[in-house]
Amino acid sequence: MAHTLTGSARPARYASLNLDSEAVITARKELAACFQLAALHGLEEGICNHFSAMLPGHDDLFLVNPYGYAFSEVTPHNLLVCDVAGNVVDGEGQPEATAFYIHARLHQRLPRVKVAFHTHMPNATALCLLEGPPLLWLSQTALKFYGRTAVDEHYNGLALDEREGDRIAGVMGEADILFLKNHGVIVAAPTIAEAWDDLYYLERAAQVQLLAMATQRVLKPVPHAVAQRAYEQMREGDPESARAHLHSAMRRLARQG
């Protein structure tokens, strides 16, 4: 199911790249923690899904997981640093090809996207297999995403070239959550903490929606005015809440060794 890139040697302009800054070390630790947490919550699918984060201080380099590693195997040390041309600037191995073509094009076409998480997590992906809007405005958790979603209605096979990456970026536009019909989801965020927060709560919202749908009883949506107000109430504290959520989860990982 996976394809790897054939990268070239590190470009000369990156020969003196400093990867030991506090910001880079923190980004590596936080991103690796997100892989571990995603594995803990069952959000991964084999070795096929991928997370990326722009390297602090650079607008043409990003961190991404290497091909061949399950999420539970990803550490701060085996994350790759790639440039947007497909070169591995630091690390051993190569990114999975669809990881590069999706993430490089998202970061390049949408500069606001500093972090991008792509998964086939079961509940959110199940919603992508249904006709009509994937996420319904039924639960308070779902309202965290009110007005922030887009839907790619046209599954186009594997993202193995820049055109498909550009198409996906174009469909995402200004949205933070992209439901890829017949495929999975992408979460885009300005920080690693906010990406993890959205990924976690998106799956929870999808899970309870599916449970409600399984009863086959009439669903009770939240009216627009209330949904908008609840979203605004949550959004105001989201960055701080997201940092607290990730730090809490990282403490949990540390206790587990």
C-alpha atoms as a PDB file:
ATOM      1  CA  MET A   1       0.000   0.000   0.000  1.00  0.00           C
ATOM      2  CA  ALA A   2       2.982   2.328   0.364  1.00  0.00           C
ATOM      3  CA  HIS A   3       5.466   3.915  -2.005  1.00  0.00           C
ATOM      4  CA  THR A   4       8.754   5.567  -1.059  1.00  0.00           C
ATOM      5  CA  LEU A   5      10.544   8.518  -2.589  1.00  0.00           C
ATOM      6  CA  THR A   6      13.990   8.239  -4.080  1.00  0.00           C
ATOM      7  CA  GLY A   7      15.644  11.273  -2.517  1.00  0.00           C
ATOM      8  CA  SER A   8      18.927  12.942  -3.403  1.00  0.00           C
ATOM      9  CA  ALA A   9      21.817  13.961  -1.172  1.00  0.00           C
ATOM     10  CA  ARG A  10      21.488  16.896   1.216  1.00  0.00           C
ATOM     11  CA  PRO A  11      21.649  20.169  -0.769  1.00  0.00           C
ATOM     12  CA  ALA A  12      24.785  22.199  -0.038  1.00  0.00           C
ATOM     13  CA  ARG A  13      22.775  25.132   1.341  1.00  0.00           C
ATOM     14  CA  TYR A  14      21.786  22.974   4.319  1.00  0.00           C
ATOM     15  CA  ALA A  15      25.313  21.824   5.163  1.00  0.00           C
ATOM     16  CA  SER A  16      25.494  24.049   8.254  1.00  0.00           C
ATOM     17  CA  LEU A  17      21.862  23.595   9.327  1.00  0.00           C
ATOM     18  CA  ASN A  18      21.477  23.902  13.111  1.00  0.00           C
ATOM     19  CA  LEU A  19      19.108  21.246  14.413  1.00  0.00           C
ATOM     20  CA  ASP A  20      20.049  21.659  18.078  1.00  0.00           C
ATOM     21  CA  SER A  21      18.065  24.794  18.906  1.00  0.00           C
ATOM     22  CA  GLU A  22      15.597  24.591  21.781  1.00  0.00           C
ATOM     23  CA  ALA A  23      12.691  25.233  19.389  1.00  0.00           C
ATOM     24  CA  VAL A  24      13.694  22.359  17.098  1.00  0.00           C
ATOM     25  CA  ILE A  25      14.240  19.960  20.001  1.00  0.00           C
ATOM     26  CA  THR A  26      10.832  20.867  21.449  1.00  0.00           C
ATOM     27  CA  ALA A  27       9.132  20.396  18.065  1.00  0.00           C
ATOM     28  CA  ARG A  28      10.735  16.958  17.697  1.00  0.00           C
ATOM     29  CA  LYS A  29       9.608  15.901  21.178  1.00  0.00           C
ATOM     30  CA  GLU A  30       6.057  17.170  20.727  1.00  0.00           C
ATOM     31  CA  LEU A  31       5.613  15.671  17.264  1.00  0.00           C
ATOM     32  CA  ALA A  32       7.013  12.303  18.352  1.00  0.00           C
ATOM     33  CA  ALA A  33       4.651  12.372  21.338  1.00  0.00           C
ATOM     34  CA  CYS A  34       1.718  12.860  18.965  1.00  0.00           C
ATOM     35  CA  PHE A  35       2.688   9.702  17.080  1.00  0.00           C
ATOM     36  CA  GLN A  36       2.906   7.785  20.348  1.00  0.00           C
ATOM     37  CA  LEU A  37      -0.448   9.164  21.496  1.00  0.00           C
ATOM     38  CA  ALA A  38      -2.124   8.370  18.182  1.00  0.00           C
ATOM     39  CA  ALA A  39      -0.905   4.783  18.512  1.00  0.00           C
ATOM     40  CA  LEU A  40      -2.143   4.646  22.108  1.00  0.00           C
ATOM     41  CA  HIS A  41      -5.630   5.718  20.995  1.00  0.00           C
ATOM     42  CA  GLY A  42      -5.769   3.434  17.944  1.00  0.00           C
ATOM     43  CA  LEU A  43      -5.655   6.242  15.383  1.00  0.00           C
ATOM     44  CA  GLU A  44      -2.894   4.762  13.193  1.00  0.00           C
ATOM     45  CA  GLU A  45      -3.180   2.346  10.276  1.00  0.00           C
ATOM     46  CA  GLY A  46      -0.126   0.135   9.917  1.00  0.00           C
ATOM     47  CA  ILE A  47       2.793   2.186   8.575  1.00  0.00           C
ATOM     48  CA  CYS A  48       0.720   4.240   6.153  1.00  0.00           C
ATOM     49  CA  ASN A  49      -0.338   7.464   7.898  1.00  0.00           C
ATOM     50  CA  HIS A  50       1.784  10.567   8.467  1.00  0.00           C
ATOM     51  CA  PHE A  51       2.212  13.741  10.509  1.00  0.00           C
ATOM     52  CA  SER A  52       4.342  16.746   9.585  1.00  0.00           C
ATOM     53  CA  ALA A  53       5.393  20.010  11.197  1.00  0.00           C
ATOM     54  CA  MET A  54       7.357  22.884   9.726  1.00  0.00           C
ATOM     55  CA  LEU A  55      10.855  23.071  11.172  1.00  0.00           C
ATOM     56  CA  PRO A  56      11.020  26.114  13.493  1.00  0.00           C
ATOM     57  CA  GLY A  57      12.819  28.994  11.815  1.00  0.00           C
ATOM     58  CA  HIS A  58      12.437  27.598   8.280  1.00  0.00           C
ATOM     59  CA  ASP A  59       9.705  27.953   5.676  1.00  0.00           C
ATOM     60  CA  ASP A  60      11.035  25.255   3.336  1.00  0.00           C
ATOM     61  CA  LEU A  61      11.832  22.386   5.738  1.00  0.00           C
ATOM     62  CA  PHE A  62       9.509  20.099   7.640  1.00  0.00           C
ATOM     63  CA  LEU A  63       9.623  17.187  10.063  1.00  0.00           C
ATOM     64  CA  VAL A  64       7.882  13.972   8.977  1.00  0.00           C
ATOM     65  CA  ASN A  65       7.889  10.308   9.965  1.00  0.00           C
ATOM     66  CA  PRO A  66      10.116   7.887   8.021  1.00  0.00           C
ATOM     67  CA  TYR A  67       8.573   5.139   5.915  1.00  0.00           C
ATOM     68  CA  GLY A  68       8.440   1.714   7.519  1.00  0.00           C
ATOM     69  CA  TYR A  69       7.807   2.746  11.128  1.00  0.00           C
ATOM     70  CA  ALA A  70       4.548   2.269  12.999  1.00  0.00           C
ATOM     71  CA  PHE A  71       3.474   5.318  14.974  1.00  0.00           C
ATOM     72  CA  SER A  72       4.522   3.639  18.232  1.00  0.00           C
ATOM     73  CA  GLU A  73       8.077   3.377  16.889  1.00  0.00           C
ATOM     74  CA  VAL A  74       8.487   7.062  16.040  1.00  0.00           C
ATOM     75  CA  THR A  75      10.852   8.980  18.337  1.00  0.00           C
ATOM     76  CA  PRO A  76      12.285  12.493  18.334  1.00  0.00           C
ATOM     77  CA  HIS A  77      15.495  11.025  16.916  1.00  0.00           C
ATOM     78  CA  ASN A  78      14.161   9.103  13.914  1.00  0.00           C
ATOM     79  CA  LEU A  79      11.970  11.885  12.532  1.00  0.00           C
ATOM     80  CA  LEU A  80      13.162  13.084   9.135  1.00  0.00           C
ATOM     81  CA  VAL A  81      13.831  16.669   8.099  1.00  0.00           C
ATOM     82  CA  CYS A  82      12.788  17.103   4.447  1.00  0.00           C
ATOM     83  CA  ASP A  83      12.764  20.034   2.089  1.00  0.00           C
ATOM     84  CA  VAL A  84       9.843  20.813  -0.178  1.00  0.00           C
ATOM     85  CA  ALA A  85      11.752  19.400  -3.171  1.00  0.00           C
ATOM     86  CA  GLY A  86      11.802  15.902  -1.683  1.00  0.00           C
ATOM     87  CA  ASN A  87      15.348  15.820  -0.289  1.00  0.00           C
ATOM     88  CA  VAL A  88      16.004  14.295   3.132  1.00  0.00           C
ATOM     89  CA  VAL A  89      18.067  16.977   4.849  1.00  0.00           C
ATOM     90  CA  ASP A  90      18.504  15.082   8.118  1.00  0.00           C
ATOM     91  CA  GLY A  91      17.744  11.540   9.251  1.00  0.00           C
ATOM     92  CA  GLU A  92      17.909   7.973   7.993  1.00  0.00           C
ATOM     93  CA  GLY A  93      15.473   6.690   5.386  1.00  0.00           C
ATOM     94  CA  GLN A  94      12.831   8.319   3.225  1.00  0.00           C
ATOM     95  CA  PRO A  95       9.284   9.555   3.755  1.00  0.00           C
ATOM     96  CA  GLU A  96       6.457   7.514   2.318  1.00  0.00           C
ATOM     97  CA  ALA A  97       5.705   9.049  -1.085  1.00  0.00           C
ATOM     98  CA  THR A  98       2.128  10.110  -0.366  1.00  0.00           C
ATOM     99  CA  ALA A  99       3.387  11.709   2.868  1.00  0.00           C
ATOM    100  CA  PHE A 100       5.687  13.914   0.842  1.00  0.00           C
ATOM    101  CA  TYR A 101       3.239  14.832  -1.901  1.00  0.00           C
ATOM    102  CA  ILE A 102       0.426  15.633   0.523  1.00  0.00           C
ATOM    103  CA  HIS A 103       2.407  17.425   3.219  1.00  0.00           C
ATOM    104  CA  ALA A 104       4.963  19.299   1.108  1.00  0.00           C
ATOM    105  CA  ARG A 105       2.234  20.720  -1.102  1.00  0.00           C
ATOM    106  CA  LEU A 106      -0.012  21.609   1.845  1.00  0.00           C
ATOM    107  CA  HIS A 107       2.809  23.496   3.558  1.00  0.00           C
ATOM    108  CA  GLN A 108       3.911  25.177   0.332  1.00  0.00           C
ATOM    109  CA  ARG A 109       0.484  26.112  -1.023  1.00  0.00           C
ATOM    110  CA  LEU A 110      -1.021  27.041   2.373  1.00  0.00           C
ATOM    111  CA  PRO A 111       1.632  28.861   4.440  1.00  0.00           C
ATOM    112  CA  ARG A 112      -0.767  29.090   7.402  1.00  0.00           C
ATOM    113  CA  VAL A 113      -0.524  25.293   7.724  1.00  0.00           C
ATOM    114  CA  LYS A 114       2.450  24.802  10.034  1.00  0.00           C
ATOM    115  CA  VAL A 115       1.341  21.329  11.104  1.00  0.00           C
ATOM    116  CA  ALA A 116      -0.596  18.676   9.157  1.00  0.00           C
ATOM    117  CA  PHE A 117      -1.812  15.323  10.475  1.00  0.00           C
ATOM    118  CA  HIS A 118      -3.228  12.738   8.059  1.00  0.00           C
ATOM    119  CA  THR A 119      -4.868   9.573   9.367  1.00  0.00           C
ATOM    120  CA  HIS A 120      -7.276   6.827   8.445  1.00  0.00           C
ATOM    121  CA  MET A 121      -8.519   6.769  12.053  1.00  0.00           C
ATOM    122  CA  PRO A 122     -11.561   4.502  12.154  1.00  0.00           C
ATOM    123  CA  ASN A 123     -14.500   6.635  13.234  1.00  0.00           C
ATOM    124  CA  ALA A 124     -13.681   9.794  11.289  1.00  0.00           C
ATOM    125  CA  THR A 125     -12.821   7.675   8.238  1.00  0.00           C
ATOM    126  CA  ALA A 126     -16.127   5.817   8.553  1.00  0.00           C
ATOM    127  CA  LEU A 127     -17.908   9.166   8.156  1.00  0.00           C
ATOM    128  CA  CYS A 128     -15.928   9.680   4.926  1.00  0.00           C
ATOM    129  CA  LEU A 129     -17.573   6.564   3.481  1.00  0.00           C
ATOM    130  CA  LEU A 130     -21.101   7.971   3.671  1.00  0.00           C
ATOM    131  CA  GLU A 131     -23.000  10.110   1.209  1.00  0.00           C
ATOM    132  CA  GLY A 132     -23.661  13.638   2.393  1.00  0.00           C
ATOM    133  CA  PRO A 133     -21.883  15.738   5.029  1.00  0.00           C
ATOM    134  CA  PRO A 134     -19.542  13.637   7.178  1.00  0.00           C
ATOM    135  CA  LEU A 135     -19.699  15.479  10.504  1.00  0.00           C
ATOM    136  CA  LEU A 136     -23.120  16.507  11.784  1.00  0.00           C
ATOM    137  CA  TRP A 137     -23.653  19.224  14.386  1.00  0.00           C
ATOM    138  CA  LEU A 138     -25.075  16.962  17.057  1.00  0.00           C
ATOM    139  CA  SER A 139     -22.680  16.940  20.000  1.00  0.00           C
ATOM    140  CA  GLN A 140     -20.886  19.665  21.894  1.00  0.00           C
ATOM    141  CA  THR A 141     -17.589  18.077  20.886  1.00  0.00           C
ATOM    142  CA  ALA A 142     -18.542  18.308  17.209  1.00  0.00           C
ATOM    143  CA  LEU A 143     -19.217  22.030  17.612  1.00  0.00           C
ATOM    144  CA  LYS A 144     -15.481  22.564  18.153  1.00  0.00           C
ATOM    145  CA  PHE A 145     -15.260  22.136  14.371  1.00  0.00           C
ATOM    146  CA  TYR A 146     -18.288  24.213  13.377  1.00  0.00           C
ATOM    147  CA  GLY A 147     -17.471  26.207  10.240  1.00  0.00           C
ATOM    148  CA  ARG A 148     -13.932  24.762  10.097  1.00  0.00           C
ATOM    149  CA  THR A 149     -14.404  21.751   7.804  1.00  0.00           C
ATOM    150  CA  ALA A 150     -14.155  21.034   4.094  1.00  0.00           C
ATOM    151  CA  VAL A 151     -14.965  17.887   2.136  1.00  0.00           C
ATOM    152  CA  ASP A 152     -13.071  16.399  -0.789  1.00  0.00           C
ATOM    153  CA  GLU A 153     -15.856  14.615  -2.639  1.00  0.00           C
ATOM    154  CA  HIS A 154     -13.617  13.214  -5.374  1.00  0.00           C
ATOM    155  CA  TYR A 155     -11.326  10.386  -4.330  1.00  0.00           C
ATOM    156  CA  ASN A 156      -8.586  10.279  -6.949  1.00  0.00           C
ATOM    157  CA  GLY A 157      -6.373   7.352  -5.944  1.00  0.00           C
ATOM    158  CA  LEU A 158      -3.009   7.640  -4.203  1.00  0.00           C
ATOM    159  CA  ALA A 159      -1.326  11.054  -3.955  1.00  0.00           C
ATOM    160  CA  LEU A 160       1.785  10.185  -5.948  1.00  0.00           C
ATOM    161  CA  ASP A 161       2.494  13.486  -7.673  1.00  0.00           C
ATOM    162  CA  GLU A 162       2.412  17.223  -7.055  1.00  0.00           C
ATOM    163  CA  ARG A 163      -0.837  17.660  -8.965  1.00  0.00           C
ATOM    164  CA  GLU A 164      -2.738  15.510  -6.489  1.00  0.00           C
ATOM    165  CA  GLY A 165      -1.086  17.269  -3.560  1.00  0.00           C
ATOM    166  CA  ASP A 166      -2.032  20.624  -5.066  1.00  0.00           C
ATOM    167  CA  ARG A 167      -5.594  19.442  -5.650  1.00  0.00           C
ATOM    168  CA  ILE A 168      -5.950  18.390  -2.009  1.00  0.00           C
ATOM    169  CA  ALA A 169      -4.484  21.702  -0.824  1.00  0.00           C
ATOM    170  CA  GLY A 170      -6.930  23.546  -3.064  1.00  0.00           C
ATOM    171  CA  VAL A 171      -9.909  21.687  -1.623  1.00  0.00           C
ATOM    172  CA  MET A 172      -8.722  22.350   1.934  1.00  0.00           C
ATOM    173  CA  GLY A 173      -8.533  26.089   1.292  1.00  0.00           C
ATOM    174  CA  GLU A 174      -9.176  27.939   4.559  1.00  0.00           C
ATOM    175  CA  ALA A 175     -10.515  24.894   6.416  1.00  0.00           C
ATOM    176  CA  ASP A 176      -8.735  23.266   9.332  1.00  0.00           C
ATOM    177  CA  ILE A 177     -10.297  19.827   8.861  1.00  0.00           C
ATOM    178  CA  LEU A 178     -10.529  18.088   5.500  1.00  0.00           C
ATOM    179  CA  PHE A 179     -12.661  14.978   5.102  1.00  0.00           C
ATOM    180  CA  LEU A 180     -11.333  12.989   2.153  1.00  0.00           C
ATOM    181  CA  LYS A 181     -14.243  10.896   0.890  1.00  0.00           C
ATOM    182  CA  ASN A 182     -13.404   7.173   0.593  1.00  0.00           C
ATOM    183  CA  HIS A 183     -10.024   7.881   2.212  1.00  0.00           C
ATOM    184  CA  GLY A 184      -9.469   9.580   5.590  1.00  0.00           C
ATOM    185  CA  VAL A 185      -8.938  12.980   7.184  1.00  0.00           C
ATOM    186  CA  ILE A 186      -6.379  15.787   7.337  1.00  0.00           C
ATOM    187  CA  VAL A 187      -6.061  18.126  10.303  1.00  0.00           C
ATOM    188  CA  ALA A 188      -4.196  21.410   9.702  1.00  0.00           C
ATOM    189  CA  ALA A 189      -3.100  23.691  12.525  1.00  0.00           C
ATOM    190  CA  PRO A 190      -0.696  26.492  13.471  1.00  0.00           C
ATOM    191  CA  THR A 191       0.905  24.442  16.280  1.00  0.00           C
ATOM    192  CA  ILE A 192       1.566  20.797  17.105  1.00  0.00           C
ATOM    193  CA  ALA A 193      -0.560  21.061  20.258  1.00  0.00           C
ATOM    194  CA  GLU A 194      -3.564  22.392  18.344  1.00  0.00           C
ATOM    195  CA  ALA A 195      -3.207  19.678  15.697  1.00  0.00           C
ATOM    196  CA  TRP A 196      -3.213  16.955  18.360  1.00  0.00           C
ATOM    197  CA  ASP A 197      -6.172  18.535  20.156  1.00  0.00           C
ATOM    198  CA  ASP A 198      -8.202  18.666  16.952  1.00  0.00           C
ATOM    199  CA  LEU A 199      -7.231  15.148  15.874  1.00  0.00           C
ATOM    200  CA  TYR A 200      -8.232  13.659  19.223  1.00  0.00           C
ATOM    201  CA  TYR A 201     -11.560  15.466  19.536  1.00  0.00           C
ATOM    202  CA  LEU A 202     -12.444  14.925  15.866  1.00  0.00           C
ATOM    203  CA  GLU A 203     -12.254  11.174  16.378  1.00  0.00           C
ATOM    204  CA  ARG A 204     -14.305  11.428  19.571  1.00  0.00           C
ATOM    205  CA  ALA A 205     -16.982  13.500  17.812  1.00  0.00           C
ATOM    206  CA  ALA A 206     -17.102  10.971  14.969  1.00  0.00           C
ATOM    207  CA  GLN A 207     -17.336   8.093  17.430  1.00  0.00           C
ATOM    208  CA  VAL A 208     -20.366   9.432  19.312  1.00  0.00           C
ATOM    209  CA  GLN A 209     -22.068  10.432  16.048  1.00  0.00           C
ATOM    210  CA  LEU A 210     -21.757   6.876  14.762  1.00  0.00           C
ATOM    211  CA  LEU A 211     -23.095   5.526  18.054  1.00  0.00           C
ATOM    212  CA  ALA A 212     -26.093   7.842  17.782  1.00  0.00           C
ATOM    213  CA  MET A 213     -26.665   6.903  14.132  1.00  0.00           C
ATOM    214  CA  ALA A 214     -26.525   3.205  15.036  1.00  0.00           C
ATOM    215  CA  THR A 215     -29.658   3.575  17.192  1.00  0.00           C
ATOM    216  CA  GLN A 216     -31.592   4.452  14.001  1.00  0.00           C
ATOM    217  CA  ARG A 217     -33.542   7.011  16.007  1.00  0.00           C
ATOM    218  CA  VAL A 218     -34.090  10.576  14.767  1.00  0.00           C
ATOM    219  CA  LEU A 219     -30.958  12.695  15.270  1.00  0.00           C
ATOM    220  CA  LYS A 220     -31.236  16.039  17.083  1.00  0.00           C
ATOM    221  CA  PRO A 221     -28.975  18.714  15.507  1.00  0.00           C
ATOM    222  CA  VAL A 222     -27.958  21.879  17.338  1.00  0.00           C
ATOM    223  CA  PRO A 223     -29.522  25.045  15.818  1.00  0.00           C
ATOM    224  CA  HIS A 224     -27.131  27.289  13.871  1.00  0.00           C
ATOM    225  CA  ALA A 225     -27.145  30.225  16.306  1.00  0.00           C
ATOM    226  CA  VAL A 226     -26.375  28.006  19.284  1.00  0.00           C
ATOM    227  CA  ALA A 227     -23.759  26.027  17.344  1.00  0.00           C
ATOM    228  CA  GLN A 228     -22.001  29.220  16.280  1.00  0.00           C
ATOM    229  CA  ARG A 229     -22.004  30.609  19.817  1.00  0.00           C
ATOM    230  CA  ALA A 230     -20.684  27.356  21.290  1.00  0.00           C
ATOM    231  CA  TYR A 231     -17.921  27.238  18.672  1.00  0.00           C
ATOM    232  CA  GLU A 232     -16.900  30.814  19.500  1.00  0.00           C
ATOM    233  CA  GLN A 233     -16.883  30.029  23.218  1.00  0.00           C
ATOM    234  CA  MET A 234     -14.606  27.033  22.677  1.00  0.00           C
ATOM    235  CA  ARG A 235     -12.380  28.701  20.106  1.00  0.00           C
ATOM    236  CA  GLU A 236     -11.457  31.546  22.428  1.00  0.00           C
ATOM    237  CA  GLY A 237      -9.582  29.226  24.780  1.00  0.00           C
ATOM    238  CA  ASP A 238      -8.491  26.583  22.272  1.00  0.00           C
ATOM    239  CA  PRO A 239      -4.740  27.360  21.977  1.00  0.00           C
ATOM    240  CA  GLU A 240      -4.249  27.347  25.754  1.00  0.00           C
ATOM    241  CA  SER A 241      -6.473  24.289  26.189  1.00  0.00           C
ATOM    242  CA  ALA A 242      -4.607  22.481  23.401  1.00  0.00           C
ATOM    243  CA  ARG A 243      -1.232  23.124  25.053  1.00  0.00           C
ATOM    244  CA  ALA A 244      -2.554  21.841  28.371  1.00  0.00           C
ATOM    245  CA  HIS A 245      -4.035  18.774  26.645  1.00  0.00           C
ATOM    246  CA  LEU A 246      -0.775  17.872  24.902  1.00  0.00           C
ATOM    247  CA  HIS A 247       1.359  18.488  27.993  1.00  0.00           C
ATOM    248  CA  SER A 248      -0.995  16.336  30.061  1.00  0.00           C
ATOM    249  CA  ALA A 249      -0.776  13.562  27.488  1.00  0.00           C
ATOM    250  CA  MET A 250       3.029  13.824  27.362  1.00  0.00           C
ATOM    251  CA  ARG A 251       3.164  13.446  31.161  1.00  0.00           C
ATOM    252  CA  ARG A 252       1.051  10.330  30.763  1.00  0.00           C
ATOM    253  CA  LEU A 253       3.518   8.954  28.220  1.00  0.00           C
ATOM    254  CA  ALA A 254       6.429   9.753  30.513  1.00  0.00           C
ATOM    255  CA  ARG A 255       4.808   7.854  33.371  1.00  0.00           C
ATOM    256  CA  GLN A 256       4.468   4.853  31.061  1.00  0.00           C
ATOM    257  CA  GLY A 257       8.156   5.078  30.175  1.00  0.00           C
END
